[in-house]
Amino acid sequence: MRRNEDHGERLSRAVWDVLARDGLERLTIRAVAAAAGCTTGLVMHRFPNRAALLAHARQLLHEVTGARVEALEAVAGSPRAALRDVLHQGLALDAQRAAESRVWLGFLAAAFTDDDLIGMHRANNRAWRTRIERLVAAAAPQWPAPRVQAAALGLLAMAEGAAALAAADPQAYPPAAQEAMLDLAMEAYGLGISTP
């Protein structure tokens, strides 16, 4: 049993690494097998096709980021701090989060032509939107629902756009610039940490 768990972890990491490093076009059963140091048969036993590889990478991304935001929310000092921390963790500020952004972009590109993948993408993104709307509502309890929803969508678009741009061109969108963008966007919406 432990051997199967080890194979599963190794294959998961290989799927993630190939997609993050080499992009969607090079995500193949053969590339994953090479990255994992195993046979294509072993990969195909777990992932019978490319769509299964992509779905697994996206689910792994959802689980990793979900655990991270739960931990951030648990220790945040205020609702506005929680909102900022959760959005901040989605920026491409380091190698790990830039890789996550590349995985997300690769999955999104593939999802447009696959009904199962687009369904998974929409479900995960709607859960993310619901979380941000909840955090915005907690940060500005006096706001009506339409304003909460508009602010949440604006902040999501800014954060995800910044992460995507930074993943593709990190020199043009360094971490300090991404953080400044987030803080300015939160201030503009009246949700800054220091905004009354």
C-alpha atoms as a PDB file:
ATOM      1  CA  MET A   1       0.000   0.000   0.000  1.00  0.00           C
ATOM      2  CA  ARG A   2       2.758   2.437   0.877  1.00  0.00           C
ATOM      3  CA  ARG A   3       4.363   1.707  -2.476  1.00  0.00           C
ATOM      4  CA  ASN A   4       1.145   2.746  -4.278  1.00  0.00           C
ATOM      5  CA  GLU A   5       0.985   5.929  -2.196  1.00  0.00           C
ATOM      6  CA  ASP A   6       4.592   6.718  -3.146  1.00  0.00           C
ATOM      7  CA  HIS A   7       3.793   6.165  -6.838  1.00  0.00           C
ATOM      8  CA  GLY A   8       0.750   8.413  -6.522  1.00  0.00           C
ATOM      9  CA  GLU A   9       2.721  11.220  -4.895  1.00  0.00           C
ATOM     10  CA  ARG A  10       5.519  10.912  -7.430  1.00  0.00           C
ATOM     11  CA  LEU A  11       3.098  10.974 -10.353  1.00  0.00           C
ATOM     12  CA  SER A  12       1.223  13.941  -8.886  1.00  0.00           C
ATOM     13  CA  ARG A  13       4.441  15.891  -8.554  1.00  0.00           C
ATOM     14  CA  ALA A  14       5.496  14.935 -12.091  1.00  0.00           C
ATOM     15  CA  VAL A  15       2.178  16.077 -13.592  1.00  0.00           C
ATOM     16  CA  TRP A  16       2.480  19.366 -11.727  1.00  0.00           C
ATOM     17  CA  ASP A  17       6.133  19.883 -12.669  1.00  0.00           C
ATOM     18  CA  VAL A  18       5.666  19.179 -16.371  1.00  0.00           C
ATOM     19  CA  LEU A  19       2.663  21.482 -16.653  1.00  0.00           C
ATOM     20  CA  ALA A  20       4.269  24.294 -14.643  1.00  0.00           C
ATOM     21  CA  ARG A  21       7.703  24.037 -16.298  1.00  0.00           C
ATOM     22  CA  ASP A  22       6.905  23.024 -19.860  1.00  0.00           C
ATOM     23  CA  GLY A  23       3.358  24.216 -20.426  1.00  0.00           C
ATOM     24  CA  LEU A  24       0.204  22.667 -21.739  1.00  0.00           C
ATOM     25  CA  GLU A  25       1.584  21.662 -25.128  1.00  0.00           C
ATOM     26  CA  ARG A  26       4.233  19.429 -23.578  1.00  0.00           C
ATOM     27  CA  LEU A  27       2.011  17.780 -20.983  1.00  0.00           C
ATOM     28  CA  THR A  28       1.930  14.209 -22.236  1.00  0.00           C
ATOM     29  CA  ILE A  29       1.859  10.753 -20.705  1.00  0.00           C
ATOM     30  CA  ARG A  30       5.435  10.269 -21.925  1.00  0.00           C
ATOM     31  CA  ALA A  31       6.657  13.560 -20.396  1.00  0.00           C
ATOM     32  CA  VAL A  32       5.051  12.721 -17.052  1.00  0.00           C
ATOM     33  CA  ALA A  33       6.608   9.246 -17.104  1.00  0.00           C
ATOM     34  CA  ALA A  34      10.037  10.750 -17.800  1.00  0.00           C
ATOM     35  CA  ALA A  35       9.634  13.314 -15.012  1.00  0.00           C
ATOM     36  CA  ALA A  36       8.483  10.625 -12.574  1.00  0.00           C
ATOM     37  CA  GLY A  37      11.166   8.155 -13.624  1.00  0.00           C
ATOM     38  CA  CYS A  38       8.659   5.431 -14.421  1.00  0.00           C
ATOM     39  CA  THR A  39       7.017   3.721 -17.375  1.00  0.00           C
ATOM     40  CA  THR A  40       4.215   5.183 -19.458  1.00  0.00           C
ATOM     41  CA  GLY A  41       2.157   2.153 -18.432  1.00  0.00           C
ATOM     42  CA  LEU A  42       2.331   3.171 -14.788  1.00  0.00           C
ATOM     43  CA  VAL A  43       1.230   6.707 -15.671  1.00  0.00           C
ATOM     44  CA  MET A  44      -1.618   5.435 -17.843  1.00  0.00           C
ATOM     45  CA  HIS A  45      -2.801   3.176 -15.047  1.00  0.00           C
ATOM     46  CA  ARG A  46      -3.512   6.272 -12.979  1.00  0.00           C
ATOM     47  CA  PHE A  47      -4.127   8.850 -15.740  1.00  0.00           C
ATOM     48  CA  PRO A  48      -5.576   7.229 -18.862  1.00  0.00           C
ATOM     49  CA  ASN A  49      -5.386  10.398 -20.965  1.00  0.00           C
ATOM     50  CA  ARG A  50      -4.254  14.015 -21.072  1.00  0.00           C
ATOM     51  CA  ALA A  51      -7.560  15.317 -19.740  1.00  0.00           C
ATOM     52  CA  ALA A  52      -7.063  13.182 -16.637  1.00  0.00           C
ATOM     53  CA  LEU A  53      -3.586  14.676 -16.198  1.00  0.00           C
ATOM     54  CA  LEU A  54      -5.023  18.193 -16.430  1.00  0.00           C
ATOM     55  CA  ALA A  55      -7.915  17.466 -14.096  1.00  0.00           C
ATOM     56  CA  HIS A  56      -5.506  16.072 -11.541  1.00  0.00           C
ATOM     57  CA  ALA A  57      -3.224  19.111 -11.756  1.00  0.00           C
ATOM     58  CA  ARG A  58      -6.201  21.440 -11.317  1.00  0.00           C
ATOM     59  CA  GLN A  59      -7.565  19.497  -8.358  1.00  0.00           C
ATOM     60  CA  LEU A  60      -4.142  19.499  -6.727  1.00  0.00           C
ATOM     61  CA  LEU A  61      -3.965  23.278  -7.232  1.00  0.00           C
ATOM     62  CA  HIS A  62      -7.419  23.668  -5.669  1.00  0.00           C
ATOM     63  CA  GLU A  63      -6.392  21.592  -2.638  1.00  0.00           C
ATOM     64  CA  VAL A  64      -3.034  23.352  -2.133  1.00  0.00           C
ATOM     65  CA  THR A  65      -4.443  26.862  -2.377  1.00  0.00           C
ATOM     66  CA  GLY A  66      -7.525  25.907  -0.359  1.00  0.00           C
ATOM     67  CA  ALA A  67      -5.403  24.716   2.548  1.00  0.00           C
ATOM     68  CA  ARG A  68      -3.271  27.830   2.350  1.00  0.00           C
ATOM     69  CA  VAL A  69      -6.213  30.257   2.424  1.00  0.00           C
ATOM     70  CA  GLU A  70      -7.896  28.380   5.281  1.00  0.00           C
ATOM     71  CA  ALA A  71      -4.727  28.786   7.325  1.00  0.00           C
ATOM     72  CA  LEU A  72      -4.428  32.465   6.431  1.00  0.00           C
ATOM     73  CA  GLU A  73      -8.034  33.197   7.369  1.00  0.00           C
ATOM     74  CA  ALA A  74      -7.626  31.410  10.685  1.00  0.00           C
ATOM     75  CA  VAL A  75      -4.849  33.734  11.851  1.00  0.00           C
ATOM     76  CA  ALA A  76      -5.926  37.022  10.249  1.00  0.00           C
ATOM     77  CA  GLY A  77      -6.304  39.901  12.688  1.00  0.00           C
ATOM     78  CA  SER A  78      -9.375  41.396  11.001  1.00  0.00           C
ATOM     79  CA  PRO A  79     -11.771  40.765   8.112  1.00  0.00           C
ATOM     80  CA  ARG A  80      -9.845  43.224   5.918  1.00  0.00           C
ATOM     81  CA  ALA A  81      -6.554  41.589   6.801  1.00  0.00           C
ATOM     82  CA  ALA A  82      -8.076  38.203   5.917  1.00  0.00           C
ATOM     83  CA  LEU A  83      -9.258  39.548   2.559  1.00  0.00           C
ATOM     84  CA  ARG A  84      -5.841  41.000   1.769  1.00  0.00           C
ATOM     85  CA  ASP A  85      -3.975  37.893   2.918  1.00  0.00           C
ATOM     86  CA  VAL A  86      -6.177  35.580   0.851  1.00  0.00           C
ATOM     87  CA  LEU A  87      -5.843  37.701  -2.292  1.00  0.00           C
ATOM     88  CA  HIS A  88      -2.134  38.213  -1.642  1.00  0.00           C
ATOM     89  CA  GLN A  89      -1.450  34.474  -1.543  1.00  0.00           C
ATOM     90  CA  GLY A  90      -2.788  34.170  -5.091  1.00  0.00           C
ATOM     91  CA  LEU A  91      -0.253  36.578  -6.563  1.00  0.00           C
ATOM     92  CA  ALA A  92       2.813  35.186  -8.353  1.00  0.00           C
ATOM     93  CA  LEU A  93       5.245  36.423  -5.698  1.00  0.00           C
ATOM     94  CA  ASP A  94       7.616  33.460  -5.632  1.00  0.00           C
ATOM     95  CA  ALA A  95       8.538  30.406  -7.682  1.00  0.00           C
ATOM     96  CA  GLN A  96       5.835  28.233  -6.088  1.00  0.00           C
ATOM     97  CA  ARG A  97       3.006  30.661  -6.757  1.00  0.00           C
ATOM     98  CA  ALA A  98       4.272  31.477 -10.264  1.00  0.00           C
ATOM     99  CA  ALA A  99       4.150  27.738 -10.987  1.00  0.00           C
ATOM    100  CA  GLU A 100       0.614  27.615  -9.594  1.00  0.00           C
ATOM    101  CA  SER A 101      -0.381  30.441 -11.917  1.00  0.00           C
ATOM    102  CA  ARG A 102       1.105  28.629 -14.918  1.00  0.00           C
ATOM    103  CA  VAL A 103      -0.776  25.444 -13.969  1.00  0.00           C
ATOM    104  CA  TRP A 104      -4.014  27.425 -13.646  1.00  0.00           C
ATOM    105  CA  LEU A 105      -3.466  29.086 -17.041  1.00  0.00           C
ATOM    106  CA  GLY A 106      -2.638  25.767 -18.718  1.00  0.00           C
ATOM    107  CA  PHE A 107      -5.737  24.160 -17.305  1.00  0.00           C
ATOM    108  CA  LEU A 108      -7.902  27.122 -18.343  1.00  0.00           C
ATOM    109  CA  ALA A 109      -6.593  26.985 -21.917  1.00  0.00           C
ATOM    110  CA  ALA A 110      -7.435  23.284 -22.167  1.00  0.00           C
ATOM    111  CA  ALA A 111     -10.797  23.659 -20.447  1.00  0.00           C
ATOM    112  CA  PHE A 112     -12.301  25.753 -23.239  1.00  0.00           C
ATOM    113  CA  THR A 113     -12.521  22.720 -25.497  1.00  0.00           C
ATOM    114  CA  ASP A 114     -13.444  20.097 -22.898  1.00  0.00           C
ATOM    115  CA  ASP A 115     -16.852  20.056 -21.196  1.00  0.00           C
ATOM    116  CA  ASP A 116     -15.636  18.090 -18.178  1.00  0.00           C
ATOM    117  CA  LEU A 117     -12.637  20.339 -17.610  1.00  0.00           C
ATOM    118  CA  ILE A 118     -14.641  23.547 -18.024  1.00  0.00           C
ATOM    119  CA  GLY A 119     -17.173  22.217 -15.524  1.00  0.00           C
ATOM    120  CA  MET A 120     -14.390  21.601 -13.022  1.00  0.00           C
ATOM    121  CA  HIS A 121     -12.910  25.033 -13.716  1.00  0.00           C
ATOM    122  CA  ARG A 122     -16.238  26.778 -13.195  1.00  0.00           C
ATOM    123  CA  ALA A 123     -16.977  24.910  -9.964  1.00  0.00           C
ATOM    124  CA  ASN A 124     -13.575  25.745  -8.467  1.00  0.00           C
ATOM    125  CA  ASN A 125     -13.683  29.361  -9.619  1.00  0.00           C
ATOM    126  CA  ARG A 126     -17.191  29.838  -8.263  1.00  0.00           C
ATOM    127  CA  ALA A 127     -16.065  28.495  -4.898  1.00  0.00           C
ATOM    128  CA  TRP A 128     -13.169  30.978  -4.982  1.00  0.00           C
ATOM    129  CA  ARG A 129     -15.547  33.823  -5.891  1.00  0.00           C
ATOM    130  CA  THR A 130     -17.890  32.843  -3.061  1.00  0.00           C
ATOM    131  CA  ARG A 131     -14.973  32.948  -0.614  1.00  0.00           C
ATOM    132  CA  ILE A 132     -13.900  36.416  -1.762  1.00  0.00           C
ATOM    133  CA  GLU A 133     -17.490  37.702  -1.640  1.00  0.00           C
ATOM    134  CA  ARG A 134     -17.791  36.382   1.919  1.00  0.00           C
ATOM    135  CA  LEU A 135     -14.558  38.112   2.895  1.00  0.00           C
ATOM    136  CA  VAL A 136     -15.583  41.401   1.255  1.00  0.00           C
ATOM    137  CA  ALA A 137     -18.963  41.251   3.048  1.00  0.00           C
ATOM    138  CA  ALA A 138     -17.179  40.691   6.365  1.00  0.00           C
ATOM    139  CA  ALA A 139     -14.774  43.554   5.637  1.00  0.00           C
ATOM    140  CA  ALA A 140     -17.613  45.964   4.734  1.00  0.00           C
ATOM    141  CA  PRO A 141     -20.740  44.691   6.530  1.00  0.00           C
ATOM    142  CA  GLN A 142     -22.675  47.877   5.753  1.00  0.00           C
ATOM    143  CA  TRP A 143     -22.447  47.324   1.969  1.00  0.00           C
ATOM    144  CA  PRO A 144     -25.409  46.038  -0.051  1.00  0.00           C
ATOM    145  CA  ALA A 145     -24.970  42.715  -1.847  1.00  0.00           C
ATOM    146  CA  PRO A 146     -24.502  44.219  -5.353  1.00  0.00           C
ATOM    147  CA  ARG A 147     -21.578  46.342  -4.135  1.00  0.00           C
ATOM    148  CA  VAL A 148     -20.021  43.365  -2.350  1.00  0.00           C
ATOM    149  CA  GLN A 149     -20.276  41.281  -5.505  1.00  0.00           C
ATOM    150  CA  ALA A 150     -18.832  44.016  -7.749  1.00  0.00           C
ATOM    151  CA  ALA A 151     -15.907  44.663  -5.412  1.00  0.00           C
ATOM    152  CA  ALA A 152     -15.191  40.942  -5.097  1.00  0.00           C
ATOM    153  CA  LEU A 153     -15.174  40.499  -8.883  1.00  0.00           C
ATOM    154  CA  GLY A 154     -12.925  43.521  -9.348  1.00  0.00           C
ATOM    155  CA  LEU A 155     -10.427  42.325  -6.764  1.00  0.00           C
ATOM    156  CA  LEU A 156     -10.459  38.799  -8.189  1.00  0.00           C
ATOM    157  CA  ALA A 157      -9.848  40.083 -11.709  1.00  0.00           C
ATOM    158  CA  MET A 158      -6.978  42.263 -10.535  1.00  0.00           C
ATOM    159  CA  ALA A 159      -5.298  39.563  -8.456  1.00  0.00           C
ATOM    160  CA  GLU A 160      -5.683  36.772 -11.004  1.00  0.00           C
ATOM    161  CA  GLY A 161      -4.682  39.062 -13.863  1.00  0.00           C
ATOM    162  CA  ALA A 162      -1.588  40.217 -11.998  1.00  0.00           C
ATOM    163  CA  ALA A 163      -0.613  36.620 -11.234  1.00  0.00           C
ATOM    164  CA  ALA A 164      -1.054  35.565 -14.861  1.00  0.00           C
ATOM    165  CA  LEU A 165       0.935  38.521 -16.178  1.00  0.00           C
ATOM    166  CA  ALA A 166       3.700  37.975 -13.618  1.00  0.00           C
ATOM    167  CA  ALA A 167       3.916  34.262 -14.379  1.00  0.00           C
ATOM    168  CA  ALA A 168       4.521  35.102 -18.039  1.00  0.00           C
ATOM    169  CA  ASP A 169       6.795  38.119 -17.475  1.00  0.00           C
ATOM    170  CA  PRO A 170       8.153  38.254 -13.918  1.00  0.00           C
ATOM    171  CA  GLN A 171      10.540  41.118 -14.648  1.00  0.00           C
ATOM    172  CA  ALA A 172       7.708  43.405 -15.755  1.00  0.00           C
ATOM    173  CA  TYR A 173       5.533  42.427 -12.758  1.00  0.00           C
ATOM    174  CA  PRO A 174       7.897  41.919  -9.810  1.00  0.00           C
ATOM    175  CA  PRO A 175       6.492  41.011  -6.386  1.00  0.00           C
ATOM    176  CA  ALA A 176       6.630  44.589  -5.067  1.00  0.00           C
ATOM    177  CA  ALA A 177       4.578  45.829  -8.039  1.00  0.00           C
ATOM    178  CA  GLN A 178       1.981  43.089  -7.576  1.00  0.00           C
ATOM    179  CA  GLU A 179       1.664  43.880  -3.872  1.00  0.00           C
ATOM    180  CA  ALA A 180       1.321  47.601  -4.603  1.00  0.00           C
ATOM    181  CA  MET A 181      -1.395  46.842  -7.171  1.00  0.00           C
ATOM    182  CA  LEU A 182      -3.324  44.802  -4.632  1.00  0.00           C
ATOM    183  CA  ASP A 183      -3.058  47.449  -1.924  1.00  0.00           C
ATOM    184  CA  LEU A 184      -4.094  50.239  -4.301  1.00  0.00           C
ATOM    185  CA  ALA A 185      -7.038  48.196  -5.585  1.00  0.00           C
ATOM    186  CA  MET A 186      -8.209  47.489  -2.039  1.00  0.00           C
ATOM    187  CA  GLU A 187      -7.885  51.180  -1.152  1.00  0.00           C
ATOM    188  CA  ALA A 188      -9.782  52.176  -4.308  1.00  0.00           C
ATOM    189  CA  TYR A 189     -12.655  49.888  -3.292  1.00  0.00           C
ATOM    190  CA  GLY A 190     -12.611  51.307   0.217  1.00  0.00           C
ATOM    191  CA  LEU A 191     -11.332  48.043   1.667  1.00  0.00           C
ATOM    192  CA  GLY A 192      -7.775  48.985   2.584  1.00  0.00           C
ATOM    193  CA  ILE A 193      -6.401  47.850   5.922  1.00  0.00           C
ATOM    194  CA  SER A 194      -6.194  51.460   7.111  1.00  0.00           C
ATOM    195  CA  THR A 195      -9.506  52.564   5.558  1.00  0.00           C
ATOM    196  CA  PRO A 196     -12.143  53.195   8.249  1.00  0.00           C
END
